[in-house]
Amino acid sequence: MIDWSGIVIAGIGLLTSIGSYFAGKRKRQNDFLSDLQSSIDMLAEKNKVQMDEIVKLRTQNVELLASVASLRSQNEQLKKEIEELNAKLENVKTITRLK
Protein backbone atom coordinates (compact mmCIF):
# COMPACT_ATOMS: atom_id res chain seq x y z
CA MET A 1 0.00 0.00 0.00
CA ILE A 2 1.14 3.57 -0.69
CA ASP A 3 2.13 5.63 2.28
CA TRP A 4 0.32 8.86 1.43
CA SER A 5 1.30 10.58 4.62
CA GLY A 6 5.00 10.16 3.77
CA ILE A 7 4.43 11.45 0.23
CA VAL A 8 2.44 14.43 1.53
CA ILE A 9 5.08 15.21 4.15
CA ALA A 10 7.83 14.92 1.53
CA GLY A 11 5.80 17.11 -0.87
CA ILE A 12 5.20 19.71 1.82
CA GLY A 13 8.90 19.68 2.68
CA LEU A 14 9.78 20.09 -1.00
CA LEU A 15 7.30 22.94 -1.47
CA THR A 16 8.51 24.62 1.73
CA SER A 17 12.12 24.37 0.53
CA ILE A 18 11.23 25.84 -2.87
CA GLY A 19 9.23 28.64 -1.22
CA SER A 20 12.08 29.39 1.19
CA TYR A 21 14.56 29.47 -1.69
CA PHE A 22 12.49 32.00 -3.65
CA ALA A 23 11.77 34.10 -0.55
CA GLY A 24 15.49 34.15 0.30
CA LYS A 25 16.38 34.96 -3.30
CA ARG A 26 13.97 37.89 -3.29
CA LYS A 27 15.39 39.16 0.01
CA ARG A 28 18.94 38.92 -1.36
CA GLN A 29 17.88 40.85 -4.45
CA ASN A 30 16.16 43.49 -2.32
CA ASP A 31 19.24 43.77 -0.10
CA PHE A 32 21.41 44.13 -3.21
CA LEU A 33 19.12 46.83 -4.60
CA SER A 34 19.12 48.60 -1.24
CA ASP A 35 22.93 48.56 -1.20
CA LEU A 36 23.01 49.90 -4.76
CA GLN A 37 20.59 52.69 -3.84
CA SER A 38 22.74 53.60 -0.84
CA SER A 39 25.80 53.76 -3.10
CA ILE A 40 23.92 55.92 -5.60
CA ASP A 41 22.78 58.27 -2.83
CA MET A 42 26.33 58.56 -1.48
CA LEU A 43 27.75 59.23 -4.96
CA ALA A 44 25.03 61.79 -5.68
CA GLU A 45 25.88 63.63 -2.46
CA LYS A 46 29.61 63.59 -3.28
CA ASN A 47 28.81 64.82 -6.79
CA LYS A 48 26.73 67.69 -5.35
CA VAL A 49 29.59 68.71 -3.05
CA GLN A 50 32.07 68.61 -5.93
CA MET A 51 29.75 70.58 -8.21
CA ASP A 52 29.39 73.25 -5.51
CA GLU A 53 33.19 73.38 -5.22
CA ILE A 54 33.51 73.69 -9.01
CA VAL A 55 31.07 76.61 -9.04
CA LYS A 56 33.07 78.34 -6.28
CA LEU A 57 36.34 77.76 -8.12
CA ARG A 58 34.93 79.06 -11.39
CA THR A 59 33.69 82.19 -9.66
CA GLN A 60 37.09 82.67 -8.06
CA ASN A 61 38.76 82.07 -11.43
CA VAL A 62 36.65 84.80 -13.07
CA GLU A 63 37.56 87.21 -10.27
CA LEU A 64 41.25 86.36 -10.63
CA LEU A 65 41.14 86.81 -14.39
CA ALA A 66 39.57 90.24 -13.90
CA SER A 67 42.31 91.11 -11.39
CA VAL A 68 45.00 89.97 -13.83
CA ALA A 69 43.49 92.12 -16.59
CA SER A 70 43.41 95.12 -14.25
CA LEU A 71 47.01 94.53 -13.18
CA ARG A 72 48.13 94.24 -16.80
CA SER A 73 46.49 97.55 -17.58
CA GLN A 74 48.12 99.19 -14.57
CA ASN A 75 51.45 97.64 -15.54
CA GLU A 76 51.22 99.10 -19.04
CA GLN A 77 50.39 102.53 -17.62
CA LEU A 78 53.34 102.31 -15.24
CA LYS A 79 55.67 101.28 -18.07
CA LYS A 80 54.62 104.33 -20.06
CA GLU A 81 55.05 106.57 -17.03
CA ILE A 82 58.52 105.13 -16.38
CA GLU A 83 59.50 105.68 -20.01
CA GLU A 84 58.28 109.28 -19.82
CA LEU A 85 60.15 109.87 -16.56
CA ASN A 86 63.32 108.29 -17.98
CA ALA A 87 63.03 110.54 -21.03
CA LYS A 88 62.63 113.60 -18.79
CA LEU A 89 65.59 112.46 -16.72
CA GLU A 90 67.71 112.16 -19.87
CA ASN A 91 66.70 115.70 -20.82
CA VAL A 92 67.67 116.93 -17.35
CA LYS A 93 71.03 115.14 -17.57
CA THR A 94 71.62 116.64 -20.99
CA ILE A 95 70.77 120.15 -19.78
CA THR A 96 73.05 119.87 -16.73
CA ARG A 97 75.91 118.62 -18.90
CA LEU A 98 75.54 121.55 -21.26
CA LYS A 99 75.85 124.07 -18.44
PDB file of N, CA and C in Angstrom:
ATOM      1  N   MET A   1       0.817  -1.171   0.000  1.00  0.00           N
ATOM      2  CA  MET A   1       0.000   0.000   0.000  1.00  0.00           C
ATOM      3  C   MET A   1       0.877   1.258   0.000  1.00  0.00           C
ATOM      4  N   ILE A   2       0.378   2.326  -0.575  1.00  0.00           N
ATOM      5  CA  ILE A   2       1.136   3.570  -0.692  1.00  0.00           C
ATOM      6  C   ILE A   2       0.990   4.361   0.593  1.00  0.00           C
ATOM      7  N   ASP A   3       2.121   4.828   1.050  1.00  0.00           N
ATOM      8  CA  ASP A   3       2.132   5.634   2.277  1.00  0.00           C
ATOM      9  C   ASP A   3       1.927   7.097   1.890  1.00  0.00           C
ATOM     10  N   TRP A   4       0.662   7.502   1.855  1.00  0.00           N
ATOM     11  CA  TRP A   4       0.318   8.858   1.427  1.00  0.00           C
ATOM     12  C   TRP A   4       0.830   9.916   2.396  1.00  0.00           C
ATOM     13  N   SER A   5       0.845   9.592   3.646  1.00  0.00           N
ATOM     14  CA  SER A   5       1.303  10.582   4.623  1.00  0.00           C
ATOM     15  C   SER A   5       2.779  10.906   4.398  1.00  0.00           C
ATOM     16  N   GLY A   6       3.581   9.928   4.052  1.00  0.00           N
ATOM     17  CA  GLY A   6       5.002  10.157   3.766  1.00  0.00           C
ATOM     18  C   GLY A   6       5.176  10.995   2.513  1.00  0.00           C
ATOM     19  N   ILE A   7       4.353  10.687   1.480  1.00  0.00           N
ATOM     20  CA  ILE A   7       4.430  11.450   0.227  1.00  0.00           C
ATOM     21  C   ILE A   7       4.001  12.894   0.465  1.00  0.00           C
ATOM     22  N   VAL A   8       2.923  13.074   1.237  1.00  0.00           N
ATOM     23  CA  VAL A   8       2.437  14.426   1.534  1.00  0.00           C
ATOM     24  C   VAL A   8       3.478  15.193   2.341  1.00  0.00           C
ATOM     25  N   ILE A   9       4.059  14.540   3.327  1.00  0.00           N
ATOM     26  CA  ILE A   9       5.083  15.208   4.147  1.00  0.00           C
ATOM     27  C   ILE A   9       6.293  15.567   3.292  1.00  0.00           C
ATOM     28  N   ALA A  10       6.702  14.648   2.416  1.00  0.00           N
ATOM     29  CA  ALA A  10       7.831  14.925   1.526  1.00  0.00           C
ATOM     30  C   ALA A  10       7.479  16.056   0.568  1.00  0.00           C
ATOM     31  N   GLY A  11       6.249  16.050   0.047  1.00  0.00           N
ATOM     32  CA  GLY A  11       5.798  17.114  -0.867  1.00  0.00           C
ATOM     33  C   GLY A  11       5.758  18.460  -0.175  1.00  0.00           C
ATOM     34  N   ILE A  12       5.249  18.455   1.059  1.00  0.00           N
ATOM     35  CA  ILE A  12       5.199  19.710   1.822  1.00  0.00           C
ATOM     36  C   ILE A  12       6.613  20.207   2.096  1.00  0.00           C
ATOM     37  N   GLY A  13       7.503  19.304   2.450  1.00  0.00           N
ATOM     38  CA  GLY A  13       8.901  19.682   2.683  1.00  0.00           C
ATOM     39  C   GLY A  13       9.528  20.262   1.429  1.00  0.00           C
ATOM     40  N   LEU A  14       9.249  19.609   0.273  1.00  0.00           N
ATOM     41  CA  LEU A  14       9.783  20.091  -0.999  1.00  0.00           C
ATOM     42  C   LEU A  14       9.226  21.471  -1.323  1.00  0.00           C
ATOM     43  N   LEU A  15       7.921  21.648  -1.180  1.00  0.00           N
ATOM     44  CA  LEU A  15       7.298  22.942  -1.469  1.00  0.00           C
ATOM     45  C   LEU A  15       7.805  24.028  -0.516  1.00  0.00           C
ATOM     46  N   THR A  16       7.985  23.672   0.748  1.00  0.00           N
ATOM     47  CA  THR A  16       8.511  24.625   1.728  1.00  0.00           C
ATOM     48  C   THR A  16       9.935  25.032   1.361  1.00  0.00           C
ATOM     49  N   SER A  17      10.739  24.075   0.933  1.00  0.00           N
ATOM     50  CA  SER A  17      12.122  24.372   0.528  1.00  0.00           C
ATOM     51  C   SER A  17      12.145  25.300  -0.674  1.00  0.00           C
ATOM     52  N   ILE A  18      11.290  24.999  -1.661  1.00  0.00           N
ATOM     53  CA  ILE A  18      11.232  25.840  -2.866  1.00  0.00           C
ATOM     54  C   ILE A  18      10.767  27.246  -2.497  1.00  0.00           C
ATOM     55  N   GLY A  19       9.734  27.336  -1.664  1.00  0.00           N
ATOM     56  CA  GLY A  19       9.231  28.640  -1.223  1.00  0.00           C
ATOM     57  C   GLY A  19      10.288  29.419  -0.458  1.00  0.00           C
ATOM     58  N   SER A  20      11.013  28.737   0.417  1.00  0.00           N
ATOM     59  CA  SER A  20      12.076  29.391   1.190  1.00  0.00           C
ATOM     60  C   SER A  20      13.186  29.889   0.275  1.00  0.00           C
ATOM     61  N   TYR A  21      13.515  29.082  -0.746  1.00  0.00           N
ATOM     62  CA  TYR A  21      14.556  29.473  -1.693  1.00  0.00           C
ATOM     63  C   TYR A  21      14.163  30.774  -2.401  1.00  0.00           C
ATOM     64  N   PHE A  22      12.926  30.809  -2.915  1.00  0.00           N
ATOM     65  CA  PHE A  22      12.494  32.000  -3.648  1.00  0.00           C
ATOM     66  C   PHE A  22      12.341  33.212  -2.728  1.00  0.00           C
ATOM     67  N   ALA A  23      11.878  32.996  -1.507  1.00  0.00           N
ATOM     68  CA  ALA A  23      11.768  34.101  -0.549  1.00  0.00           C
ATOM     69  C   ALA A  23      13.159  34.636  -0.204  1.00  0.00           C
ATOM     70  N   GLY A  24      14.114  33.740   0.007  1.00  0.00           N
ATOM     71  CA  GLY A  24      15.488  34.152   0.297  1.00  0.00           C
ATOM     72  C   GLY A  24      16.121  34.858  -0.887  1.00  0.00           C
ATOM     73  N   LYS A  25      15.838  34.351  -2.089  1.00  0.00           N
ATOM     74  CA  LYS A  25      16.379  34.964  -3.301  1.00  0.00           C
ATOM     75  C   LYS A  25      15.851  36.390  -3.445  1.00  0.00           C
ATOM     76  N   ARG A  26      14.562  36.555  -3.192  1.00  0.00           N
ATOM     77  CA  ARG A  26      13.967  37.888  -3.293  1.00  0.00           C
ATOM     78  C   ARG A  26      14.577  38.832  -2.247  1.00  0.00           C
ATOM     79  N   LYS A  27      14.786  38.333  -1.041  1.00  0.00           N
ATOM     80  CA  LYS A  27      15.392  39.163   0.009  1.00  0.00           C
ATOM     81  C   LYS A  27      16.815  39.557  -0.380  1.00  0.00           C
ATOM     82  N   ARG A  28      17.567  38.611  -0.931  1.00  0.00           N
ATOM     83  CA  ARG A  28      18.939  38.920  -1.362  1.00  0.00           C
ATOM     84  C   ARG A  28      18.922  39.987  -2.457  1.00  0.00           C
ATOM     85  N   GLN A  29      17.978  39.856  -3.386  1.00  0.00           N
ATOM     86  CA  GLN A  29      17.877  40.853  -4.452  1.00  0.00           C
ATOM     87  C   GLN A  29      17.493  42.217  -3.882  1.00  0.00           C
ATOM     88  N   ASN A  30      16.558  42.221  -2.939  1.00  0.00           N
ATOM     89  CA  ASN A  30      16.157  43.488  -2.317  1.00  0.00           C
ATOM     90  C   ASN A  30      17.314  44.105  -1.534  1.00  0.00           C
ATOM     91  N   ASP A  31      18.074  43.271  -0.832  1.00  0.00           N
ATOM     92  CA  ASP A  31      19.242  43.774  -0.103  1.00  0.00           C
ATOM     93  C   ASP A  31      20.266  44.357  -1.073  1.00  0.00           C
ATOM     94  N   PHE A  32      20.472  43.668  -2.196  1.00  0.00           N
ATOM     95  CA  PHE A  32      21.407  44.134  -3.215  1.00  0.00           C
ATOM     96  C   PHE A  32      20.947  45.481  -3.775  1.00  0.00           C
ATOM     97  N   LEU A  33      19.650  45.577  -4.078  1.00  0.00           N
ATOM     98  CA  LEU A  33      19.119  46.835  -4.601  1.00  0.00           C
ATOM     99  C   LEU A  33      19.216  47.949  -3.562  1.00  0.00           C
ATOM    100  N   SER A  34      18.995  47.612  -2.318  1.00  0.00           N
ATOM    101  CA  SER A  34      19.118  48.597  -1.243  1.00  0.00           C
ATOM    102  C   SER A  34      20.561  49.089  -1.133  1.00  0.00           C
ATOM    103  N   ASP A  35      21.514  48.171  -1.236  1.00  0.00           N
ATOM    104  CA  ASP A  35      22.931  48.556  -1.205  1.00  0.00           C
ATOM    105  C   ASP A  35      23.282  49.444  -2.399  1.00  0.00           C
ATOM    106  N   LEU A  36      22.756  49.084  -3.572  1.00  0.00           N
ATOM    107  CA  LEU A  36      23.011  49.904  -4.759  1.00  0.00           C
ATOM    108  C   LEU A  36      22.432  51.308  -4.585  1.00  0.00           C
ATOM    109  N   GLN A  37      21.218  51.387  -4.042  1.00  0.00           N
ATOM    110  CA  GLN A  37      20.595  52.694  -3.839  1.00  0.00           C
ATOM    111  C   GLN A  37      21.399  53.527  -2.848  1.00  0.00           C
ATOM    112  N   SER A  38      21.908  52.885  -1.810  1.00  0.00           N
ATOM    113  CA  SER A  38      22.744  53.599  -0.836  1.00  0.00           C
ATOM    114  C   SER A  38      24.004  54.136  -1.510  1.00  0.00           C
ATOM    115  N   SER A  39      24.598  53.320  -2.372  1.00  0.00           N
ATOM    116  CA  SER A  39      25.798  53.759  -3.099  1.00  0.00           C
ATOM    117  C   SER A  39      25.469  54.928  -4.022  1.00  0.00           C
ATOM    118  N   ILE A  40      24.335  54.838  -4.698  1.00  0.00           N
ATOM    119  CA  ILE A  40      23.918  55.918  -5.598  1.00  0.00           C
ATOM    120  C   ILE A  40      23.693  57.200  -4.811  1.00  0.00           C
ATOM    121  N   ASP A  41      23.026  57.094  -3.666  1.00  0.00           N
ATOM    122  CA  ASP A  41      22.776  58.274  -2.834  1.00  0.00           C
ATOM    123  C   ASP A  41      24.087  58.902  -2.364  1.00  0.00           C
ATOM    124  N   MET A  42      25.037  58.060  -1.947  1.00  0.00           N
ATOM    125  CA  MET A  42      26.327  58.556  -1.485  1.00  0.00           C
ATOM    126  C   MET A  42      27.067  59.257  -2.630  1.00  0.00           C
ATOM    127  N   LEU A  43      27.065  58.631  -3.812  1.00  0.00           N
ATOM    128  CA  LEU A  43      27.749  59.228  -4.957  1.00  0.00           C
ATOM    129  C   LEU A  43      27.075  60.524  -5.391  1.00  0.00           C
ATOM    130  N   ALA A  44      25.754  60.562  -5.321  1.00  0.00           N
ATOM    131  CA  ALA A  44      25.034  61.785  -5.679  1.00  0.00           C
ATOM    132  C   ALA A  44      25.394  62.918  -4.722  1.00  0.00           C
ATOM    133  N   GLU A  45      25.514  62.611  -3.447  1.00  0.00           N
ATOM    134  CA  GLU A  45      25.885  63.630  -2.461  1.00  0.00           C
ATOM    135  C   GLU A  45      27.314  64.119  -2.707  1.00  0.00           C
ATOM    136  N   LYS A  46      28.229  63.191  -2.979  1.00  0.00           N
ATOM    137  CA  LYS A  46      29.612  63.591  -3.280  1.00  0.00           C
ATOM    138  C   LYS A  46      29.657  64.447  -4.545  1.00  0.00           C
ATOM    139  N   ASN A  47      28.862  64.064  -5.538  1.00  0.00           N
ATOM    140  CA  ASN A  47      28.805  64.818  -6.786  1.00  0.00           C
ATOM    141  C   ASN A  47      28.294  66.234  -6.529  1.00  0.00           C
ATOM    142  N   LYS A  48      27.281  66.367  -5.687  1.00  0.00           N
ATOM    143  CA  LYS A  48      26.734  67.685  -5.352  1.00  0.00           C
ATOM    144  C   LYS A  48      27.801  68.547  -4.682  1.00  0.00           C
ATOM    145  N   VAL A  49      28.526  67.959  -3.746  1.00  0.00           N
ATOM    146  CA  VAL A  49      29.586  68.705  -3.049  1.00  0.00           C
ATOM    147  C   VAL A  49      30.652  69.157  -4.048  1.00  0.00           C
ATOM    148  N   GLN A  50      31.036  68.259  -4.946  1.00  0.00           N
ATOM    149  CA  GLN A  50      32.065  68.608  -5.931  1.00  0.00           C
ATOM    150  C   GLN A  50      31.561  69.666  -6.907  1.00  0.00           C
ATOM    151  N   MET A  51      30.301  69.577  -7.303  1.00  0.00           N
ATOM    152  CA  MET A  51      29.753  70.583  -8.209  1.00  0.00           C
ATOM    153  C   MET A  51      29.722  71.955  -7.530  1.00  0.00           C
ATOM    154  N   ASP A  52      29.369  71.984  -6.251  1.00  0.00           N
ATOM    155  CA  ASP A  52      29.391  73.248  -5.512  1.00  0.00           C
ATOM    156  C   ASP A  52      30.812  73.814  -5.474  1.00  0.00           C
ATOM    157  N   GLU A  53      31.784  72.953  -5.254  1.00  0.00           N
ATOM    158  CA  GLU A  53      33.187  73.384  -5.224  1.00  0.00           C
ATOM    159  C   GLU A  53      33.619  73.907  -6.596  1.00  0.00           C
ATOM    160  N   ILE A  54      33.174  73.244  -7.652  1.00  0.00           N
ATOM    161  CA  ILE A  54      33.514  73.689  -9.013  1.00  0.00           C
ATOM    162  C   ILE A  54      32.939  75.075  -9.274  1.00  0.00           C
ATOM    163  N   VAL A  55      31.697  75.298  -8.849  1.00  0.00           N
ATOM    164  CA  VAL A  55      31.074  76.612  -9.037  1.00  0.00           C
ATOM    165  C   VAL A  55      31.867  77.684  -8.292  1.00  0.00           C
ATOM    166  N   LYS A  56      32.269  77.388  -7.058  1.00  0.00           N
ATOM    167  CA  LYS A  56      33.065  78.345  -6.283  1.00  0.00           C
ATOM    168  C   LYS A  56      34.393  78.634  -6.977  1.00  0.00           C
ATOM    169  N   LEU A  57      35.041  77.577  -7.464  1.00  0.00           N
ATOM    170  CA  LEU A  57      36.339  77.760  -8.119  1.00  0.00           C
ATOM    171  C   LEU A  57      36.204  78.551  -9.415  1.00  0.00           C
ATOM    172  N   ARG A  58      35.136  78.303 -10.153  1.00  0.00           N
ATOM    173  CA  ARG A  58      34.931  79.060 -11.394  1.00  0.00           C
ATOM    174  C   ARG A  58      34.690  80.532 -11.095  1.00  0.00           C
ATOM    175  N   THR A  59      33.924  80.803 -10.055  1.00  0.00           N
ATOM    176  CA  THR A  59      33.686  82.192  -9.660  1.00  0.00           C
ATOM    177  C   THR A  59      35.003  82.856  -9.269  1.00  0.00           C
ATOM    178  N   GLN A  60      35.792  82.147  -8.479  1.00  0.00           N
ATOM    179  CA  GLN A  60      37.091  82.673  -8.063  1.00  0.00           C
ATOM    180  C   GLN A  60      37.993  82.882  -9.276  1.00  0.00           C
ATOM    181  N   ASN A  61      37.942  81.968 -10.231  1.00  0.00           N
ATOM    182  CA  ASN A  61      38.759  82.072 -11.435  1.00  0.00           C
ATOM    183  C   ASN A  61      38.388  83.327 -12.231  1.00  0.00           C
ATOM    184  N   VAL A  62      37.085  83.600 -12.350  1.00  0.00           N
ATOM    185  CA  VAL A  62      36.646  84.802 -13.067  1.00  0.00           C
ATOM    186  C   VAL A  62      37.166  86.051 -12.363  1.00  0.00           C
ATOM    187  N   GLU A  63      37.067  86.063 -11.035  1.00  0.00           N
ATOM    188  CA  GLU A  63      37.564  87.211 -10.269  1.00  0.00           C
ATOM    189  C   GLU A  63      39.070  87.387 -10.464  1.00  0.00           C
ATOM    190  N   LEU A  64      39.794  86.282 -10.445  1.00  0.00           N
ATOM    191  CA  LEU A  64      41.248  86.360 -10.625  1.00  0.00           C
ATOM    192  C   LEU A  64      41.609  86.829 -12.030  1.00  0.00           C
ATOM    193  N   LEU A  65      40.877  86.362 -13.025  1.00  0.00           N
ATOM    194  CA  LEU A  65      41.141  86.809 -14.393  1.00  0.00           C
ATOM    195  C   LEU A  65      40.888  88.309 -14.530  1.00  0.00           C
ATOM    196  N   ALA A  66      39.843  88.797 -13.868  1.00  0.00           N
ATOM    197  CA  ALA A  66      39.569  90.238 -13.896  1.00  0.00           C
ATOM    198  C   ALA A  66      40.700  91.002 -13.209  1.00  0.00           C
ATOM    199  N   SER A  67      41.193  90.469 -12.103  1.00  0.00           N
ATOM    200  CA  SER A  67      42.307  91.111 -11.394  1.00  0.00           C
ATOM    201  C   SER A  67      43.560  91.131 -12.259  1.00  0.00           C
ATOM    202  N   VAL A  68      43.821  90.038 -12.948  1.00  0.00           N
ATOM    203  CA  VAL A  68      44.996  89.969 -13.830  1.00  0.00           C
ATOM    204  C   VAL A  68      44.873  91.006 -14.941  1.00  0.00           C
ATOM    205  N   ALA A  69      43.690  91.131 -15.519  1.00  0.00           N
ATOM    206  CA  ALA A  69      43.492  92.116 -16.587  1.00  0.00           C
ATOM    207  C   ALA A  69      43.720  93.530 -16.056  1.00  0.00           C
ATOM    208  N   SER A  70      43.217  93.803 -14.867  1.00  0.00           N
ATOM    209  CA  SER A  70      43.411  95.121 -14.254  1.00  0.00           C
ATOM    210  C   SER A  70      44.894  95.375 -13.987  1.00  0.00           C
ATOM    211  N   LEU A  71      45.579  94.373 -13.455  1.00  0.00           N
ATOM    212  CA  LEU A  71      47.012  94.526 -13.176  1.00  0.00           C
ATOM    213  C   LEU A  71      47.814  94.721 -14.457  1.00  0.00           C
ATOM    214  N   ARG A  72      47.434  94.047 -15.523  1.00  0.00           N
ATOM    215  CA  ARG A  72      48.130  94.241 -16.803  1.00  0.00           C
ATOM    216  C   ARG A  72      47.968  95.676 -17.283  1.00  0.00           C
ATOM    217  N   SER A  73      46.748  96.174 -17.161  1.00  0.00           N
ATOM    218  CA  SER A  73      46.488  97.550 -17.583  1.00  0.00           C
ATOM    219  C   SER A  73      47.318  98.528 -16.755  1.00  0.00           C
ATOM    220  N   GLN A  74      47.323  98.327 -15.450  1.00  0.00           N
ATOM    221  CA  GLN A  74      48.120  99.193 -14.572  1.00  0.00           C
ATOM    222  C   GLN A  74      49.603  99.082 -14.905  1.00  0.00           C
ATOM    223  N   ASN A  75      50.045  97.866 -15.197  1.00  0.00           N
ATOM    224  CA  ASN A  75      51.450  97.641 -15.536  1.00  0.00           C
ATOM    225  C   ASN A  75      51.821  98.402 -16.812  1.00  0.00           C
ATOM    226  N   GLU A  76      50.948  98.370 -17.797  1.00  0.00           N
ATOM    227  CA  GLU A  76      51.217  99.097 -19.043  1.00  0.00           C
ATOM    228  C   GLU A  76      51.290 100.599 -18.782  1.00  0.00           C
ATOM    229  N   GLN A  77      50.374 101.100 -17.953  1.00  0.00           N
ATOM    230  CA  GLN A  77      50.395 102.529 -17.624  1.00  0.00           C
ATOM    231  C   GLN A  77      51.688 102.898 -16.899  1.00  0.00           C
ATOM    232  N   LEU A  78      52.098 102.043 -15.974  1.00  0.00           N
ATOM    233  CA  LEU A  78      53.338 102.312 -15.236  1.00  0.00           C
ATOM    234  C   LEU A  78      54.552 102.258 -16.154  1.00  0.00           C
ATOM    235  N   LYS A  79      54.554 101.334 -17.108  1.00  0.00           N
ATOM    236  CA  LYS A  79      55.668 101.281 -18.069  1.00  0.00           C
ATOM    237  C   LYS A  79      55.764 102.586 -18.850  1.00  0.00           C
ATOM    238  N   LYS A  80      54.617 103.075 -19.304  1.00  0.00           N
ATOM    239  CA  LYS A  80      54.616 104.335 -20.060  1.00  0.00           C
ATOM    240  C   LYS A  80      55.110 105.484 -19.189  1.00  0.00           C
ATOM    241  N   GLU A  81      54.631 105.504 -17.949  1.00  0.00           N
ATOM    242  CA  GLU A  81      55.046 106.569 -17.028  1.00  0.00           C
ATOM    243  C   GLU A  81      56.549 106.504 -16.766  1.00  0.00           C
ATOM    244  N   ILE A  82      57.073 105.295 -16.601  1.00  0.00           N
ATOM    245  CA  ILE A  82      58.517 105.127 -16.379  1.00  0.00           C
ATOM    246  C   ILE A  82      59.298 105.593 -17.597  1.00  0.00           C
ATOM    247  N   GLU A  83      58.818 105.243 -18.785  1.00  0.00           N
ATOM    248  CA  GLU A  83      59.498 105.679 -20.012  1.00  0.00           C
ATOM    249  C   GLU A  83      59.505 107.204 -20.109  1.00  0.00           C
ATOM    250  N   GLU A  84      58.351 107.817 -19.776  1.00  0.00           N
ATOM    251  CA  GLU A  84      58.282 109.281 -19.818  1.00  0.00           C
ATOM    252  C   GLU A  84      59.230 109.902 -18.798  1.00  0.00           C
ATOM    253  N   LEU A  85      59.256 109.335 -17.591  1.00  0.00           N
ATOM    254  CA  LEU A  85      60.146 109.870 -16.555  1.00  0.00           C
ATOM    255  C   LEU A  85      61.611 109.672 -16.931  1.00  0.00           C
ATOM    256  N   ASN A  86      61.932 108.514 -17.524  1.00  0.00           N
ATOM    257  CA  ASN A  86      63.316 108.290 -17.976  1.00  0.00           C
ATOM    258  C   ASN A  86      63.696 109.279 -19.069  1.00  0.00           C
ATOM    259  N   ALA A  87      62.755 109.564 -19.966  1.00  0.00           N
ATOM    260  CA  ALA A  87      63.034 110.537 -21.028  1.00  0.00           C
ATOM    261  C   ALA A  87      63.262 111.919 -20.423  1.00  0.00           C
ATOM    262  N   LYS A  88      62.437 112.303 -19.454  1.00  0.00           N
ATOM    263  CA  LYS A  88      62.629 113.600 -18.787  1.00  0.00           C
ATOM    264  C   LYS A  88      63.967 113.640 -18.061  1.00  0.00           C
ATOM    265  N   LEU A  89      64.323 112.532 -17.437  1.00  0.00           N
ATOM    266  CA  LEU A  89      65.594 112.459 -16.719  1.00  0.00           C
ATOM    267  C   LEU A  89      66.764 112.610 -17.684  1.00  0.00           C
ATOM    268  N   GLU A  90      66.655 112.004 -18.848  1.00  0.00           N
ATOM    269  CA  GLU A  90      67.708 112.156 -19.865  1.00  0.00           C
ATOM    270  C   GLU A  90      67.822 113.613 -20.286  1.00  0.00           C
ATOM    271  N   ASN A  91      66.681 114.274 -20.441  1.00  0.00           N
ATOM    272  CA  ASN A  91      66.703 115.698 -20.816  1.00  0.00           C
ATOM    273  C   ASN A  91      67.358 116.529 -19.720  1.00  0.00           C
ATOM    274  N   VAL A  92      67.062 116.203 -18.462  1.00  0.00           N
ATOM    275  CA  VAL A  92      67.667 116.933 -17.347  1.00  0.00           C
ATOM    276  C   VAL A  92      69.172 116.692 -17.326  1.00  0.00           C
ATOM    277  N   LYS A  93      69.592 115.447 -17.548  1.00  0.00           N
ATOM    278  CA  LYS A  93      71.031 115.145 -17.571  1.00  0.00           C
ATOM    279  C   LYS A  93      71.713 115.888 -18.708  1.00  0.00           C
ATOM    280  N   THR A  94      71.045 115.955 -19.842  1.00  0.00           N
ATOM    281  CA  THR A  94      71.616 116.642 -20.992  1.00  0.00           C
ATOM    282  C   THR A  94      71.749 118.131 -20.702  1.00  0.00           C
ATOM    283  N   ILE A  95      70.735 118.716 -20.092  1.00  0.00           N
ATOM    284  CA  ILE A  95      70.770 120.146 -19.775  1.00  0.00           C
ATOM    285  C   ILE A  95      71.873 120.440 -18.764  1.00  0.00           C
ATOM    286  N   THR A  96      72.016 119.624 -17.747  1.00  0.00           N
ATOM    287  CA  THR A  96      73.048 119.872 -16.734  1.00  0.00           C
ATOM    288  C   THR A  96      74.441 119.673 -17.311  1.00  0.00           C
ATOM    289  N   ARG A  97      74.590 118.817 -18.282  1.00  0.00           N
ATOM    290  CA  ARG A  97      75.906 118.620 -18.904  1.00  0.00           C
ATOM    291  C   ARG A  97      76.274 119.821 -19.768  1.00  0.00           C
ATOM    292  N   LEU A  98      75.275 120.403 -20.397  1.00  0.00           N
ATOM    293  CA  LEU A  98      75.540 121.545 -21.260  1.00  0.00           C
ATOM    294  C   LEU A  98      75.967 122.770 -20.463  1.00  0.00           C
ATOM    295  N   LYS A  99      75.522 122.892 -19.253  1.00  0.00           N
ATOM    296  CA  LYS A  99      75.852 124.065 -18.438  1.00  0.00           C
ATOM    297  C   LYS A  99      77.240 123.977 -17.992  1.00  0.00           C
TER     298      LYS A  99
END
